[in-house]
Amino acid sequence: MKDYIEKRAVELAQYIIENNATVRKTAKIFNISKSTVHKDVHERLSKINPALYKEAQAVLEQNKAERHIRGGMATKEKYLQGKKHM
């Protein structure tokens, strides 16, 4: 694996852990696709740095468990914004 890919995978994981970030938010910040974030963190990082991989996985699993709540809040906010303009 190329050095820059390994470095990117570590940087992505560190960002996710430090900011409790989602895959989508991380992809936007680093200007890469969600697929790349997922592949780097889920597949490549486990071979590069298993300890960091476990930490990042814990954050991503928590985000995954909470995503339905964030979606509901976004829908509620969208609905409330629409009511103000009527």
N, C-alpha and C. Protein backbone atom coordinates (compact mmCIF):
# COMPACT_ATOMS: atom_id res chain seq x y z
N MET A 1 0.84 -1.17 0.00
CA MET A 1 0.00 0.00 0.00
C MET A 1 0.89 1.25 0.00
N LYS A 2 0.47 2.25 -0.72
CA LYS A 2 1.26 3.47 -0.83
C LYS A 2 1.23 4.26 0.49
N ASP A 3 2.31 4.97 0.75
CA ASP A 3 2.46 5.71 2.00
C ASP A 3 1.36 6.75 2.20
N TYR A 4 0.99 7.46 1.13
CA TYR A 4 0.00 8.51 1.29
C TYR A 4 -1.37 7.94 1.66
N ILE A 5 -1.66 6.72 1.23
CA ILE A 5 -2.94 6.09 1.58
C ILE A 5 -2.94 5.72 3.06
N GLU A 6 -1.83 5.18 3.53
CA GLU A 6 -1.72 4.83 4.95
C GLU A 6 -1.84 6.09 5.81
N LYS A 7 -1.16 7.15 5.40
CA LYS A 7 -1.22 8.41 6.15
C LYS A 7 -2.64 8.96 6.17
N ARG A 8 -3.32 8.91 5.03
CA ARG A 8 -4.70 9.40 4.95
C ARG A 8 -5.63 8.60 5.85
N ALA A 9 -5.46 7.28 5.86
CA ALA A 9 -6.31 6.43 6.70
C ALA A 9 -6.16 6.78 8.18
N VAL A 10 -4.93 7.02 8.59
CA VAL A 10 -4.67 7.40 9.99
C VAL A 10 -5.27 8.78 10.28
N GLU A 11 -5.09 9.73 9.37
CA GLU A 11 -5.64 11.07 9.56
C GLU A 11 -7.16 11.04 9.64
N LEU A 12 -7.79 10.25 8.80
CA LEU A 12 -9.25 10.13 8.82
C LEU A 12 -9.72 9.59 10.16
N ALA A 13 -9.07 8.54 10.63
CA ALA A 13 -9.46 7.93 11.90
C ALA A 13 -9.27 8.91 13.06
N GLN A 14 -8.17 9.63 13.06
CA GLN A 14 -7.92 10.61 14.12
C GLN A 14 -8.99 11.71 14.10
N TYR A 15 -9.36 12.15 12.92
CA TYR A 15 -10.40 13.17 12.81
C TYR A 15 -11.74 12.65 13.34
N ILE A 16 -12.08 11.43 12.96
CA ILE A 16 -13.34 10.83 13.40
C ILE A 16 -13.37 10.73 14.93
N ILE A 17 -12.28 10.29 15.52
CA ILE A 17 -12.22 10.11 16.97
C ILE A 17 -12.27 11.47 17.69
N GLU A 18 -11.46 12.42 17.24
CA GLU A 18 -11.39 13.72 17.91
C GLU A 18 -12.67 14.53 17.80
N ASN A 19 -13.39 14.38 16.70
CA ASN A 19 -14.58 15.20 16.46
C ASN A 19 -15.89 14.42 16.54
N ASN A 20 -15.81 13.15 16.89
CA ASN A 20 -17.00 12.30 16.93
C ASN A 20 -17.77 12.42 15.60
N ALA A 21 -17.02 12.41 14.52
CA ALA A 21 -17.55 12.70 13.19
C ALA A 21 -18.14 11.47 12.52
N THR A 22 -19.07 11.72 11.63
CA THR A 22 -19.66 10.67 10.81
C THR A 22 -18.81 10.49 9.56
N VAL A 23 -19.07 9.42 8.84
CA VAL A 23 -18.37 9.17 7.58
C VAL A 23 -18.67 10.31 6.60
N ARG A 24 -19.91 10.73 6.55
CA ARG A 24 -20.33 11.79 5.63
C ARG A 24 -19.62 13.11 5.94
N LYS A 25 -19.57 13.48 7.22
CA LYS A 25 -18.90 14.72 7.61
C LYS A 25 -17.40 14.64 7.33
N THR A 26 -16.80 13.51 7.61
CA THR A 26 -15.37 13.32 7.38
C THR A 26 -15.06 13.43 5.89
N ALA A 27 -15.88 12.81 5.06
CA ALA A 27 -15.68 12.87 3.61
C ALA A 27 -15.74 14.31 3.12
N LYS A 28 -16.68 15.07 3.65
CA LYS A 28 -16.83 16.46 3.22
C LYS A 28 -15.62 17.29 3.63
N ILE A 29 -15.14 17.10 4.86
CA ILE A 29 -13.99 17.87 5.36
C ILE A 29 -12.73 17.57 4.55
N PHE A 30 -12.50 16.29 4.23
CA PHE A 30 -11.30 15.89 3.51
C PHE A 30 -11.47 15.94 1.99
N ASN A 31 -12.67 16.29 1.54
CA ASN A 31 -12.98 16.41 0.11
C ASN A 31 -12.71 15.11 -0.65
N ILE A 32 -13.19 14.01 -0.07
CA ILE A 32 -13.12 12.70 -0.70
C ILE A 32 -14.49 12.04 -0.59
N SER A 33 -14.66 10.92 -1.25
CA SER A 33 -15.97 10.26 -1.22
C SER A 33 -16.18 9.49 0.08
N LYS A 34 -17.46 9.24 0.39
CA LYS A 34 -17.79 8.43 1.57
C LYS A 34 -17.22 7.03 1.41
N SER A 35 -17.20 6.53 0.19
CA SER A 35 -16.67 5.19 -0.07
C SER A 35 -15.18 5.11 0.29
N THR A 36 -14.45 6.17 -0.03
CA THR A 36 -13.02 6.20 0.29
C THR A 36 -12.81 6.22 1.79
N VAL A 37 -13.60 7.04 2.50
CA VAL A 37 -13.49 7.09 3.96
C VAL A 37 -13.77 5.71 4.53
N HIS A 38 -14.84 5.11 4.06
CA HIS A 38 -15.24 3.79 4.56
C HIS A 38 -14.14 2.75 4.30
N LYS A 39 -13.62 2.72 3.10
CA LYS A 39 -12.58 1.74 2.76
C LYS A 39 -11.31 1.98 3.58
N ASP A 40 -10.91 3.23 3.70
CA ASP A 40 -9.71 3.55 4.48
C ASP A 40 -9.87 3.15 5.94
N VAL A 41 -10.97 3.50 6.53
CA VAL A 41 -11.15 3.27 7.97
C VAL A 41 -11.52 1.83 8.27
N HIS A 42 -12.37 1.22 7.47
CA HIS A 42 -12.83 -0.13 7.78
C HIS A 42 -11.88 -1.23 7.31
N GLU A 43 -11.25 -1.05 6.20
CA GLU A 43 -10.41 -2.12 5.65
C GLU A 43 -8.92 -1.86 5.86
N ARG A 44 -8.46 -0.72 5.43
CA ARG A 44 -7.01 -0.46 5.45
C ARG A 44 -6.48 -0.20 6.86
N LEU A 45 -7.21 0.55 7.66
CA LEU A 45 -6.71 0.93 8.97
C LEU A 45 -6.53 -0.27 9.89
N SER A 46 -7.35 -1.30 9.73
CA SER A 46 -7.22 -2.48 10.59
C SER A 46 -5.87 -3.17 10.41
N LYS A 47 -5.29 -3.03 9.24
CA LYS A 47 -3.97 -3.61 8.97
C LYS A 47 -2.84 -2.66 9.38
N ILE A 48 -3.10 -1.36 9.29
CA ILE A 48 -2.09 -0.35 9.58
C ILE A 48 -1.92 -0.13 11.08
N ASN A 49 -3.04 0.10 11.76
CA ASN A 49 -3.02 0.45 13.19
C ASN A 49 -4.27 -0.12 13.86
N PRO A 50 -4.22 -1.37 14.33
CA PRO A 50 -5.40 -2.01 14.91
C PRO A 50 -6.01 -1.27 16.11
N ALA A 51 -5.19 -0.65 16.94
CA ALA A 51 -5.70 0.06 18.11
C ALA A 51 -6.52 1.29 17.68
N LEU A 52 -5.99 2.04 16.74
CA LEU A 52 -6.69 3.22 16.22
C LEU A 52 -7.97 2.80 15.50
N TYR A 53 -7.90 1.68 14.80
CA TYR A 53 -9.06 1.12 14.10
C TYR A 53 -10.20 0.86 15.09
N LYS A 54 -9.89 0.26 16.22
CA LYS A 54 -10.92 -0.06 17.22
C LYS A 54 -11.56 1.21 17.77
N GLU A 55 -10.76 2.23 18.02
CA GLU A 55 -11.31 3.49 18.52
C GLU A 55 -12.23 4.14 17.49
N ALA A 56 -11.79 4.18 16.25
CA ALA A 56 -12.59 4.78 15.19
C ALA A 56 -13.88 3.99 14.98
N GLN A 57 -13.79 2.67 15.02
CA GLN A 57 -14.98 1.83 14.86
C GLN A 57 -16.00 2.10 15.95
N ALA A 58 -15.53 2.30 17.17
CA ALA A 58 -16.45 2.57 18.28
C ALA A 58 -17.24 3.86 18.03
N VAL A 59 -16.56 4.89 17.55
CA VAL A 59 -17.23 6.16 17.24
C VAL A 59 -18.22 5.96 16.10
N LEU A 60 -17.81 5.28 15.06
CA LEU A 60 -18.69 5.08 13.90
C LEU A 60 -19.90 4.22 14.26
N GLU A 61 -19.71 3.23 15.11
CA GLU A 61 -20.84 2.40 15.54
C GLU A 61 -21.84 3.22 16.35
N GLN A 62 -21.33 4.09 17.21
CA GLN A 62 -22.22 4.95 17.99
C GLN A 62 -22.99 5.88 17.06
N ASN A 63 -22.30 6.47 16.08
CA ASN A 63 -22.97 7.34 15.11
C ASN A 63 -24.03 6.58 14.33
N LYS A 64 -23.73 5.35 13.98
CA LYS A 64 -24.68 4.53 13.24
C LYS A 64 -25.93 4.26 14.08
N ALA A 65 -25.73 4.03 15.36
CA ALA A 65 -26.85 3.76 16.26
C ALA A 65 -27.73 5.00 16.46
N GLU A 66 -27.13 6.17 16.33
CA GLU A 66 -27.86 7.42 16.56
C GLU A 66 -28.39 8.08 15.29
N ARG A 67 -28.12 7.53 14.15
CA ARG A 67 -28.45 8.23 12.90
C ARG A 67 -29.94 8.45 12.72
N HIS A 68 -30.77 7.54 13.22
CA HIS A 68 -32.21 7.73 13.07
C HIS A 68 -32.69 8.95 13.86
N ILE A 69 -32.03 9.24 14.96
CA ILE A 69 -32.38 10.41 15.75
C ILE A 69 -32.00 11.69 15.01
N ARG A 70 -30.78 11.71 14.44
CA ARG A 70 -30.35 12.89 13.67
C ARG A 70 -31.27 13.12 12.47
N GLY A 71 -31.68 12.05 11.83
CA GLY A 71 -32.59 12.18 10.68
C GLY A 71 -33.93 12.76 11.09
N GLY A 72 -34.44 12.32 12.22
CA GLY A 72 -35.71 12.84 12.73
C GLY A 72 -35.61 14.31 13.08
N MET A 73 -34.49 14.69 13.69
CA MET A 73 -34.28 16.10 14.05
C MET A 73 -34.17 16.96 12.79
N ALA A 74 -33.51 16.47 11.77
CA ALA A 74 -33.39 17.22 10.52
C ALA A 74 -34.75 17.41 9.86
N THR A 75 -35.57 16.38 9.89
CA THR A 75 -36.92 16.46 9.32
C THR A 75 -37.76 17.46 10.10
N LYS A 76 -37.66 17.41 11.43
CA LYS A 76 -38.41 18.34 12.27
C LYS A 76 -37.99 19.77 11.97
N GLU A 77 -36.69 20.02 11.87
CA GLU A 77 -36.17 21.35 11.58
C GLU A 77 -36.66 21.84 10.22
N LYS A 78 -36.64 20.96 9.24
CA LYS A 78 -37.11 21.31 7.90
C LYS A 78 -38.59 21.68 7.94
N TYR A 79 -39.38 20.91 8.70
CA TYR A 79 -40.81 21.17 8.82
C TYR A 79 -41.05 22.53 9.48
N LEU A 80 -40.31 22.80 10.57
CA LEU A 80 -40.47 24.06 11.29
C LEU A 80 -40.06 25.25 10.43
N GLN A 81 -39.01 25.10 9.62
CA GLN A 81 -38.58 26.17 8.72
C GLN A 81 -39.66 26.46 7.67
N GLY A 82 -40.32 25.42 7.20
CA GLY A 82 -41.38 25.57 6.21
C GLY A 82 -42.59 26.29 6.77
N LYS A 83 -42.92 26.04 8.02
CA LYS A 83 -44.06 26.68 8.68
C LYS A 83 -43.86 28.18 8.83
N LYS A 84 -42.63 28.61 9.05
CA LYS A 84 -42.33 30.03 9.26
C LYS A 84 -42.60 30.85 7.99
N HIS A 85 -42.43 30.21 6.84
CA HIS A 85 -42.58 30.92 5.57
C HIS A 85 -44.01 30.96 5.07
N MET A 86 -44.91 30.30 5.74
CA MET A 86 -46.32 30.26 5.28
C MET A 86 -47.11 31.43 5.77
